[in-house]
Amino acid sequence: PVATLAAPAESLLLLLWGRMPLDGGVFVWDGAEKA
């Protein structure tokens, strides 16, 4: 992995299903965020 995205499981699922924006405030990046 070039980066890690951390958040509660519900938020990650909503993100993957296109039901929550990535800039929703609950997501924490480590590593190459742009990638």
Full PDB file with SEQRES, HELIX, SHEET, SSBOND, CRYST1, ORIGX, SCALE, CONECT and MASTER records, all heavy atoms in Angstrom:
SEQRES   1 A   35  PRO VAL ALA THR LEU ALA ALA PRO ALA GLU SER LEU LEU          
SEQRES   2 A   35  LEU LEU LEU TRP GLY ARG MET PRO LEU ASP GLY GLY VAL          
SEQRES   3 A   35  PHE VAL TRP ASP GLY ALA GLU LYS ALA                          
HELIX    1 AA1 ALA A    9  LEU A   16  1                                   8    
SHEET    1 AA1 2 ALA A   3  ALA A   6  0                                        
SHEET    2 AA1 2 VAL A  28  GLY A  31 -1                                        
CRYST1    1.000    1.000    1.000  90.00  90.00  90.00 P 1           1          
ORIGX1      1.000000  0.000000  0.000000        0.00000                         
ORIGX2      0.000000  1.000000  0.000000        0.00000                         
ORIGX3      0.000000  0.000000  1.000000        0.00000                         
SCALE1      1.000000  0.000000  0.000000        0.00000                         
SCALE2      0.000000  1.000000  0.000000        0.00000                         
SCALE3      0.000000  0.000000  1.000000        0.00000                         
ATOM      1  N   PRO A   1       0.812  -1.214   0.000  1.00  0.00           N  
ATOM      2  CA  PRO A   1       0.000   0.000   0.000  1.00  0.00           C  
ATOM      3  C   PRO A   1       0.851   1.272   0.000  1.00  0.00           C  
ATOM      4  O   PRO A   1       1.837   1.362   0.718  1.00  0.00           O  
ATOM      5  CB  PRO A   1      -0.801  -0.109   1.292  1.00  0.00           C  
ATOM      6  CG  PRO A   1      -0.830  -1.561   1.612  1.00  0.00           C  
ATOM      7  CD  PRO A   1       0.494  -2.097   1.124  1.00  0.00           C  
ATOM      8  N   VAL A   2       0.432   2.230  -0.820  1.00  0.00           N  
ATOM      9  CA  VAL A   2       1.101   3.534  -0.871  1.00  0.00           C  
ATOM     10  C   VAL A   2       0.498   4.491   0.144  1.00  0.00           C  
ATOM     11  O   VAL A   2       1.089   5.516   0.474  1.00  0.00           O  
ATOM     12  CB  VAL A   2       1.041   4.159  -2.282  1.00  0.00           C  
ATOM     13  CG1 VAL A   2       1.809   3.294  -3.275  1.00  0.00           C  
ATOM     14  CG2 VAL A   2      -0.393   4.372  -2.730  1.00  0.00           C  
ATOM     15  N   ALA A   3      -0.696   4.145   0.632  1.00  0.00           N  
ATOM     16  CA  ALA A   3      -1.389   4.992   1.606  1.00  0.00           C  
ATOM     17  C   ALA A   3      -2.372   4.144   2.402  1.00  0.00           C  
ATOM     18  O   ALA A   3      -2.742   3.043   1.990  1.00  0.00           O  
ATOM     19  CB  ALA A   3      -2.138   6.120   0.900  1.00  0.00           C  
ATOM     20  N   THR A   4      -2.766   4.695   3.547  1.00  0.00           N  
ATOM     21  CA  THR A   4      -3.782   4.074   4.386  1.00  0.00           C  
ATOM     22  C   THR A   4      -4.863   5.103   4.655  1.00  0.00           C  
ATOM     23  O   THR A   4      -4.562   6.264   4.962  1.00  0.00           O  
ATOM     24  CB  THR A   4      -3.178   3.598   5.718  1.00  0.00           C  
ATOM     25  OG1 THR A   4      -2.176   2.607   5.436  1.00  0.00           O  
ATOM     26  CG2 THR A   4      -4.227   2.997   6.628  1.00  0.00           C  
ATOM     27  N   LEU A   5      -6.105   4.673   4.534  1.00  0.00           N  
ATOM     28  CA  LEU A   5      -7.249   5.513   4.858  1.00  0.00           C  
ATOM     29  C   LEU A   5      -7.958   4.879   6.044  1.00  0.00           C  
ATOM     30  O   LEU A   5      -8.343   3.715   5.992  1.00  0.00           O  
ATOM     31  CB  LEU A   5      -8.199   5.616   3.664  1.00  0.00           C  
ATOM     32  CG  LEU A   5      -9.427   6.491   3.860  1.00  0.00           C  
ATOM     33  CD1 LEU A   5      -9.018   7.939   4.095  1.00  0.00           C  
ATOM     34  CD2 LEU A   5     -10.359   6.372   2.670  1.00  0.00           C  
ATOM     35  N   ALA A   6      -8.091   5.633   7.124  1.00  0.00           N  
ATOM     36  CA  ALA A   6      -8.708   5.112   8.344  1.00  0.00           C  
ATOM     37  C   ALA A   6      -9.986   5.871   8.663  1.00  0.00           C  
ATOM     38  O   ALA A   6     -10.049   7.093   8.507  1.00  0.00           O  
ATOM     39  CB  ALA A   6      -7.737   5.223   9.514  1.00  0.00           C  
ATOM     40  N   ALA A   7     -10.999   5.122   9.101  1.00  0.00           N  
ATOM     41  CA  ALA A   7     -12.296   5.688   9.486  1.00  0.00           C  
ATOM     42  C   ALA A   7     -13.131   4.552  10.074  1.00  0.00           C  
ATOM     43  O   ALA A   7     -12.765   3.374   9.947  1.00  0.00           O  
ATOM     44  CB  ALA A   7     -13.001   6.289   8.282  1.00  0.00           C  
ATOM     45  N   PRO A   8     -14.268   4.876  10.700  1.00  0.00           N  
ATOM     46  CA  PRO A   8     -15.166   3.811  11.141  1.00  0.00           C  
ATOM     47  C   PRO A   8     -15.623   2.969   9.944  1.00  0.00           C  
ATOM     48  O   PRO A   8     -15.743   3.477   8.817  1.00  0.00           O  
ATOM     49  CB  PRO A   8     -16.340   4.566  11.771  1.00  0.00           C  
ATOM     50  CG  PRO A   8     -15.759   5.877  12.186  1.00  0.00           C  
ATOM     51  CD  PRO A   8     -14.730   6.196  11.139  1.00  0.00           C  
ATOM     52  N   ALA A   9     -15.887   1.693  10.172  1.00  0.00           N  
ATOM     53  CA  ALA A   9     -16.279   0.774   9.099  1.00  0.00           C  
ATOM     54  C   ALA A   9     -17.482   1.290   8.316  1.00  0.00           C  
ATOM     55  O   ALA A   9     -17.510   1.207   7.084  1.00  0.00           O  
ATOM     56  CB  ALA A   9     -16.571  -0.606   9.681  1.00  0.00           C  
ATOM     57  N   GLU A  10     -18.466   1.819   8.994  1.00  0.00           N  
ATOM     58  CA  GLU A  10     -19.659   2.331   8.313  1.00  0.00           C  
ATOM     59  C   GLU A  10     -19.293   3.429   7.320  1.00  0.00           C  
ATOM     60  O   GLU A  10     -19.773   3.441   6.182  1.00  0.00           O  
ATOM     61  CB  GLU A  10     -20.662   2.869   9.326  1.00  0.00           C  
ATOM     62  CG  GLU A  10     -21.900   3.465   8.672  1.00  0.00           C  
ATOM     63  CD  GLU A  10     -22.883   4.044   9.680  1.00  0.00           C  
ATOM     64  OE1 GLU A  10     -22.533   4.215  10.864  1.00  0.00           O  
ATOM     65  OE2 GLU A  10     -24.010   4.341   9.260  1.00  0.00           O  
ATOM     66  N   SER A  11     -18.423   4.330   7.710  1.00  0.00           N  
ATOM     67  CA  SER A  11     -18.017   5.418   6.823  1.00  0.00           C  
ATOM     68  C   SER A  11     -17.242   4.901   5.617  1.00  0.00           C  
ATOM     69  O   SER A  11     -17.429   5.380   4.496  1.00  0.00           O  
ATOM     70  CB  SER A  11     -17.170   6.437   7.588  1.00  0.00           C  
ATOM     71  OG  SER A  11     -17.922   7.021   8.622  1.00  0.00           O  
ATOM     72  N   LEU A  12     -16.378   3.913   5.833  1.00  0.00           N  
ATOM     73  CA  LEU A  12     -15.631   3.328   4.720  1.00  0.00           C  
ATOM     74  C   LEU A  12     -16.577   2.669   3.717  1.00  0.00           C  
ATOM     75  O   LEU A  12     -16.429   2.838   2.508  1.00  0.00           O  
ATOM     76  CB  LEU A  12     -14.603   2.316   5.228  1.00  0.00           C  
ATOM     77  CG  LEU A  12     -13.439   2.896   6.033  1.00  0.00           C  
ATOM     78  CD1 LEU A  12     -12.627   1.767   6.662  1.00  0.00           C  
ATOM     79  CD2 LEU A  12     -12.558   3.792   5.171  1.00  0.00           C  
ATOM     80  N   LEU A  13     -17.557   1.927   4.214  1.00  0.00           N  
ATOM     81  CA  LEU A  13     -18.523   1.293   3.316  1.00  0.00           C  
ATOM     82  C   LEU A  13     -19.342   2.325   2.556  1.00  0.00           C  
ATOM     83  O   LEU A  13     -19.554   2.195   1.344  1.00  0.00           O  
ATOM     84  CB  LEU A  13     -19.453   0.365   4.103  1.00  0.00           C  
ATOM     85  CG  LEU A  13     -18.920  -1.025   4.369  1.00  0.00           C  
ATOM     86  CD1 LEU A  13     -19.842  -1.781   5.324  1.00  0.00           C  
ATOM     87  CD2 LEU A  13     -18.754  -1.797   3.082  1.00  0.00           C  
ATOM     88  N   LEU A  14     -19.801   3.351   3.247  1.00  0.00           N  
ATOM     89  CA  LEU A  14     -20.569   4.397   2.573  1.00  0.00           C  
ATOM     90  C   LEU A  14     -19.730   5.075   1.496  1.00  0.00           C  
ATOM     91  O   LEU A  14     -20.228   5.391   0.409  1.00  0.00           O  
ATOM     92  CB  LEU A  14     -21.086   5.422   3.586  1.00  0.00           C  
ATOM     93  CG  LEU A  14     -22.204   4.938   4.501  1.00  0.00           C  
ATOM     94  CD1 LEU A  14     -22.482   5.965   5.597  1.00  0.00           C  
ATOM     95  CD2 LEU A  14     -23.472   4.648   3.697  1.00  0.00           C  
ATOM     96  N   LEU A  15     -18.461   5.278   1.764  1.00  0.00           N  
ATOM     97  CA  LEU A  15     -17.560   5.872   0.784  1.00  0.00           C  
ATOM     98  C   LEU A  15     -17.451   4.979  -0.452  1.00  0.00           C  
ATOM     99  O   LEU A  15     -17.594   5.449  -1.587  1.00  0.00           O  
ATOM    100  CB  LEU A  15     -16.173   6.083   1.401  1.00  0.00           C  
ATOM    101  CG  LEU A  15     -15.082   6.540   0.435  1.00  0.00           C  
ATOM    102  CD1 LEU A  15     -15.321   7.980   0.008  1.00  0.00           C  
ATOM    103  CD2 LEU A  15     -13.716   6.390   1.079  1.00  0.00           C  
ATOM    104  N   LEU A  16     -17.214   3.689  -0.256  1.00  0.00           N  
ATOM    105  CA  LEU A  16     -17.045   2.773  -1.375  1.00  0.00           C  
ATOM    106  C   LEU A  16     -18.318   2.629  -2.210  1.00  0.00           C  
ATOM    107  O   LEU A  16     -18.254   2.385  -3.407  1.00  0.00           O  
ATOM    108  CB  LEU A  16     -16.578   1.404  -0.886  1.00  0.00           C  
ATOM    109  CG  LEU A  16     -15.183   1.373  -0.266  1.00  0.00           C  
ATOM    110  CD1 LEU A  16     -14.870  -0.022   0.251  1.00  0.00           C  
ATOM    111  CD2 LEU A  16     -14.124   1.837  -1.258  1.00  0.00           C  
ATOM    112  N   TRP A  17     -19.472   2.786  -1.584  1.00  0.00           N  
ATOM    113  CA  TRP A  17     -20.744   2.707  -2.291  1.00  0.00           C  
ATOM    114  C   TRP A  17     -21.157   4.063  -2.865  1.00  0.00           C  
ATOM    115  O   TRP A  17     -22.245   4.197  -3.411  1.00  0.00           O  
ATOM    116  CB  TRP A  17     -21.832   2.150  -1.381  1.00  0.00           C  
ATOM    117  CG  TRP A  17     -21.758   0.654  -1.291  1.00  0.00           C  
ATOM    118  CD1 TRP A  17     -21.032  -0.091  -0.406  1.00  0.00           C  
ATOM    119  CD2 TRP A  17     -22.408  -0.276  -2.152  1.00  0.00           C  
ATOM    120  NE1 TRP A  17     -21.195  -1.425  -0.658  1.00  0.00           N  
ATOM    121  CE2 TRP A  17     -22.038  -1.569  -1.718  1.00  0.00           C  
ATOM    122  CE3 TRP A  17     -23.276  -0.149  -3.231  1.00  0.00           C  
ATOM    123  CZ2 TRP A  17     -22.503  -2.718  -2.356  1.00  0.00           C  
ATOM    124  CZ3 TRP A  17     -23.735  -1.297  -3.845  1.00  0.00           C  
ATOM    125  CH2 TRP A  17     -23.353  -2.568  -3.405  1.00  0.00           C  
ATOM    126  N   GLY A  18     -20.299   5.069  -2.738  1.00  0.00           N  
ATOM    127  CA  GLY A  18     -20.594   6.382  -3.310  1.00  0.00           C  
ATOM    128  C   GLY A  18     -21.645   7.162  -2.564  1.00  0.00           C  
ATOM    129  O   GLY A  18     -22.279   8.059  -3.111  1.00  0.00           O  
ATOM    130  N   ARG A  19     -21.817   6.857  -1.280  1.00  0.00           N  
ATOM    131  CA  ARG A  19     -22.854   7.507  -0.486  1.00  0.00           C  
ATOM    132  C   ARG A  19     -22.300   8.443   0.591  1.00  0.00           C  
ATOM    133  O   ARG A  19     -23.045   8.947   1.410  1.00  0.00           O  
ATOM    134  CB  ARG A  19     -23.763   6.456   0.128  1.00  0.00           C  
ATOM    135  CG  ARG A  19     -24.621   5.798  -0.949  1.00  0.00           C  
ATOM    136  CD  ARG A  19     -25.421   4.644  -0.420  1.00  0.00           C  
ATOM    137  NE  ARG A  19     -26.392   4.146  -1.357  1.00  0.00           N  
ATOM    138  CZ  ARG A  19     -26.152   3.455  -2.449  1.00  0.00           C  
ATOM    139  NH1 ARG A  19     -24.910   3.208  -2.797  1.00  0.00           N  
ATOM    140  NH2 ARG A  19     -27.111   3.001  -3.221  1.00  0.00           N  
ATOM    141  N   MET A  20     -20.987   8.657   0.557  1.00  0.00           N  
ATOM    142  CA  MET A  20     -20.351   9.582   1.490  1.00  0.00           C  
ATOM    143  C   MET A  20     -19.142  10.185   0.778  1.00  0.00           C  
ATOM    144  O   MET A  20     -18.366   9.456   0.173  1.00  0.00           O  
ATOM    145  CB  MET A  20     -19.915   8.872   2.769  1.00  0.00           C  
ATOM    146  CG  MET A  20     -19.234   9.774   3.774  1.00  0.00           C  
ATOM    147  SD  MET A  20     -18.870   8.871   5.293  1.00  0.00           S  
ATOM    148  CE  MET A  20     -19.631   9.959   6.469  1.00  0.00           C  
ATOM    149  N   PRO A  21     -18.990  11.500   0.860  1.00  0.00           N  
ATOM    150  CA  PRO A  21     -17.826  12.115   0.203  1.00  0.00           C  
ATOM    151  C   PRO A  21     -16.540  11.838   0.972  1.00  0.00           C  
ATOM    152  O   PRO A  21     -16.542  11.716   2.196  1.00  0.00           O  
ATOM    153  CB  PRO A  21     -18.164  13.608   0.211  1.00  0.00           C  
ATOM    154  CG  PRO A  21     -19.079  13.781   1.378  1.00  0.00           C  
ATOM    155  CD  PRO A  21     -19.870  12.491   1.474  1.00  0.00           C  
ATOM    156  N   LEU A  22     -15.461  11.757   0.233  1.00  0.00           N  
ATOM    157  CA  LEU A  22     -14.155  11.510   0.839  1.00  0.00           C  
ATOM    158  C   LEU A  22     -13.744  12.651   1.758  1.00  0.00           C  
ATOM    159  O   LEU A  22     -12.978  12.457   2.684  1.00  0.00           O  
ATOM    160  CB  LEU A  22     -13.112  11.295  -0.254  1.00  0.00           C  
ATOM    161  CG  LEU A  22     -11.720  10.848   0.167  1.00  0.00           C  
ATOM    162  CD1 LEU A  22     -11.784   9.607   1.049  1.00  0.00           C  
ATOM    163  CD2 LEU A  22     -10.881  10.576  -1.052  1.00  0.00           C  
ATOM    164  N   ASP A  23     -14.257  13.812   1.506  1.00  0.00           N  
ATOM    165  CA  ASP A  23     -13.942  14.967   2.344  1.00  0.00           C  
ATOM    166  C   ASP A  23     -14.961  15.128   3.466  1.00  0.00           C  
ATOM    167  O   ASP A  23     -15.204  16.238   3.930  1.00  0.00           O  
ATOM    168  CB  ASP A  23     -13.876  16.225   1.473  1.00  0.00           C  
ATOM    169  CG  ASP A  23     -12.760  16.138   0.456  1.00  0.00           C  
ATOM    170  OD1 ASP A  23     -11.701  15.582   0.788  1.00  0.00           O  
ATOM    171  OD2 ASP A  23     -12.956  16.601  -0.678  1.00  0.00           O  
ATOM    172  N   GLY A  24     -15.558  14.019   3.902  1.00  0.00           N  
ATOM    173  CA  GLY A  24     -16.592  14.039   4.928  1.00  0.00           C  
ATOM    174  C   GLY A  24     -16.110  14.326   6.335  1.00  0.00           C  
ATOM    175  O   GLY A  24     -16.905  14.388   7.250  1.00  0.00           O  
ATOM    176  N   GLY A  25     -14.813  14.481   6.544  1.00  0.00           N  
ATOM    177  CA  GLY A  25     -14.300  14.851   7.856  1.00  0.00           C  
ATOM    178  C   GLY A  25     -13.964  13.704   8.793  1.00  0.00           C  
ATOM    179  O   GLY A  25     -13.329  13.906   9.803  1.00  0.00           O  
ATOM    180  N   VAL A  26     -14.392  12.488   8.481  1.00  0.00           N  
ATOM    181  CA  VAL A  26     -14.114  11.358   9.377  1.00  0.00           C  
ATOM    182  C   VAL A  26     -12.915  10.546   8.931  1.00  0.00           C  
ATOM    183  O   VAL A  26     -12.471   9.655   9.636  1.00  0.00           O  
ATOM    184  CB  VAL A  26     -15.339  10.423   9.519  1.00  0.00           C  
ATOM    185  CG1 VAL A  26     -16.519  11.154  10.111  1.00  0.00           C  
ATOM    186  CG2 VAL A  26     -15.690   9.788   8.200  1.00  0.00           C  
ATOM    187  N   PHE A  27     -12.381  10.848   7.745  1.00  0.00           N  
ATOM    188  CA  PHE A  27     -11.304  10.059   7.159  1.00  0.00           C  
ATOM    189  C   PHE A  27      -9.941  10.632   7.517  1.00  0.00           C  
ATOM    190  O   PHE A  27      -9.736  11.835   7.484  1.00  0.00           O  
ATOM    191  CB  PHE A  27     -11.463  10.004   5.636  1.00  0.00           C  
ATOM    192  CG  PHE A  27     -12.769   9.395   5.214  1.00  0.00           C  
ATOM    193  CD1 PHE A  27     -13.808  10.183   4.758  1.00  0.00           C  
ATOM    194  CD2 PHE A  27     -12.966   8.023   5.292  1.00  0.00           C  
ATOM    195  CE1 PHE A  27     -15.013   9.622   4.379  1.00  0.00           C  
ATOM    196  CE2 PHE A  27     -14.164   7.451   4.922  1.00  0.00           C  
ATOM    197  CZ  PHE A  27     -15.193   8.249   4.460  1.00  0.00           C  
ATOM    198  N   VAL A  28      -9.015   9.724   7.860  1.00  0.00           N  
ATOM    199  CA  VAL A  28      -7.651  10.115   8.216  1.00  0.00           C  
ATOM    200  C   VAL A  28      -6.689   9.382   7.287  1.00  0.00           C  
ATOM    201  O   VAL A  28      -6.738   8.158   7.179  1.00  0.00           O  
ATOM    202  CB  VAL A  28      -7.332   9.762   9.691  1.00  0.00           C  
ATOM    203  CG1 VAL A  28      -5.895  10.091  10.021  1.00  0.00           C  
ATOM    204  CG2 VAL A  28      -8.296  10.470  10.630  1.00  0.00           C  
ATOM    205  N   TRP A  29      -5.832  10.145   6.634  1.00  0.00           N  
ATOM    206  CA  TRP A  29      -4.851   9.589   5.699  1.00  0.00           C  
ATOM    207  C   TRP A  29      -3.494   9.407   6.348  1.00  0.00           C  
ATOM    208  O   TRP A  29      -3.090  10.215   7.170  1.00  0.00           O  
ATOM    209  CB  TRP A  29      -4.664  10.528   4.506  1.00  0.00           C  
ATOM    210  CG  TRP A  29      -5.797  10.524   3.544  1.00  0.00           C  
ATOM    211  CD1 TRP A  29      -6.813  11.437   3.472  1.00  0.00           C  
ATOM    212  CD2 TRP A  29      -6.035   9.588   2.507  1.00  0.00           C  
ATOM    213  NE1 TRP A  29      -7.666  11.120   2.457  1.00  0.00           N  
ATOM    214  CE2 TRP A  29      -7.209   9.981   1.838  1.00  0.00           C  
ATOM    215  CE3 TRP A  29      -5.371   8.446   2.077  1.00  0.00           C  
ATOM    216  CZ2 TRP A  29      -7.723   9.270   0.766  1.00  0.00           C  
ATOM    217  CZ3 TRP A  29      -5.892   7.735   1.004  1.00  0.00           C  
ATOM    218  CH2 TRP A  29      -7.051   8.144   0.362  1.00  0.00           C  
ATOM    219  N   ASP A  30      -2.792   8.370   5.914  1.00  0.00           N  
ATOM    220  CA  ASP A  30      -1.388   8.173   6.240  1.00  0.00           C  
ATOM    221  C   ASP A  30      -0.710   7.731   4.951  1.00  0.00           C  
ATOM    222  O   ASP A  30      -1.207   6.854   4.255  1.00  0.00           O  
ATOM    223  CB  ASP A  30      -1.227   7.098   7.324  1.00  0.00           C  
ATOM    224  CG  ASP A  30       0.218   6.927   7.742  1.00  0.00           C  
ATOM    225  OD1 ASP A  30       0.959   7.929   7.796  1.00  0.00           O  
ATOM    226  OD2 ASP A  30       0.625   5.781   8.006  1.00  0.00           O  
ATOM    227  N   GLY A  31       0.386   8.344   4.612  1.00  0.00           N  
ATOM    228  CA  GLY A  31       1.083   7.991   3.371  1.00  0.00           C  
ATOM    229  C   GLY A  31       0.724   8.941   2.247  1.00  0.00           C  
ATOM    230  O   GLY A  31       0.391  10.107   2.477  1.00  0.00           O  
ATOM    231  N   ALA A  32       0.767   8.434   1.029  1.00  0.00           N  
ATOM    232  CA  ALA A  32       0.577   9.239  -0.176  1.00  0.00           C  
ATOM    233  C   ALA A  32      -0.914   9.468  -0.441  1.00  0.00           C  
ATOM    234  O   ALA A  32      -1.556   8.731  -1.193  1.00  0.00           O  
ATOM    235  CB  ALA A  32       1.237   8.562  -1.358  1.00  0.00           C  
ATOM    236  N   GLU A  33      -1.450  10.506   0.177  1.00  0.00           N  
ATOM    237  CA  GLU A  33      -2.884  10.792   0.060  1.00  0.00           C  
ATOM    238  C   GLU A  33      -3.315  10.989  -1.394  1.00  0.00           C  
ATOM    239  O   GLU A  33      -4.357  10.475  -1.816  1.00  0.00           O  
ATOM    240  CB  GLU A  33      -3.253  12.022   0.876  1.00  0.00           C  
ATOM    241  CG  GLU A  33      -4.725  12.382   0.780  1.00  0.00           C  
ATOM    242  CD  GLU A  33      -5.124  13.582   1.605  1.00  0.00           C  
ATOM    243  OE1 GLU A  33      -4.351  14.005   2.488  1.00  0.00           O  
ATOM    244  OE2 GLU A  33      -6.231  14.097   1.361  1.00  0.00           O  
ATOM    245  N   LYS A  34      -2.540  11.717  -2.156  1.00  0.00           N  
ATOM    246  CA  LYS A  34      -2.905  11.987  -3.551  1.00  0.00           C  
ATOM    247  C   LYS A  34      -3.041  10.673  -4.340  1.00  0.00           C  
ATOM    248  O   LYS A  34      -3.992  10.486  -5.088  1.00  0.00           O  
ATOM    249  CB  LYS A  34      -1.876  12.908  -4.199  1.00  0.00           C  
ATOM    250  CG  LYS A  34      -2.250  13.393  -5.558  1.00  0.00           C  
ATOM    251  CD  LYS A  34      -1.239  14.419  -6.056  1.00  0.00           C  
ATOM    252  CE  LYS A  34      -1.603  14.925  -7.440  1.00  0.00           C  
ATOM    253  NZ  LYS A  34      -0.637  15.903  -7.936  1.00  0.00           N  
ATOM    254  N   ALA A  35      -2.096   9.768  -4.153  1.00  0.00           N  
ATOM    255  CA  ALA A  35      -2.157   8.464  -4.826  1.00  0.00           C  
ATOM    256  C   ALA A  35      -3.353   7.660  -4.318  1.00  0.00           C  
ATOM    257  O   ALA A  35      -4.037   6.994  -5.098  1.00  0.00           O  
ATOM    258  CB  ALA A  35      -0.861   7.691  -4.605  1.00  0.00           C  
TER     259      ALA A  35                                                      
MASTER        0    0    0    1    2    0    0    6  258    1    0    3          
END                                                                             
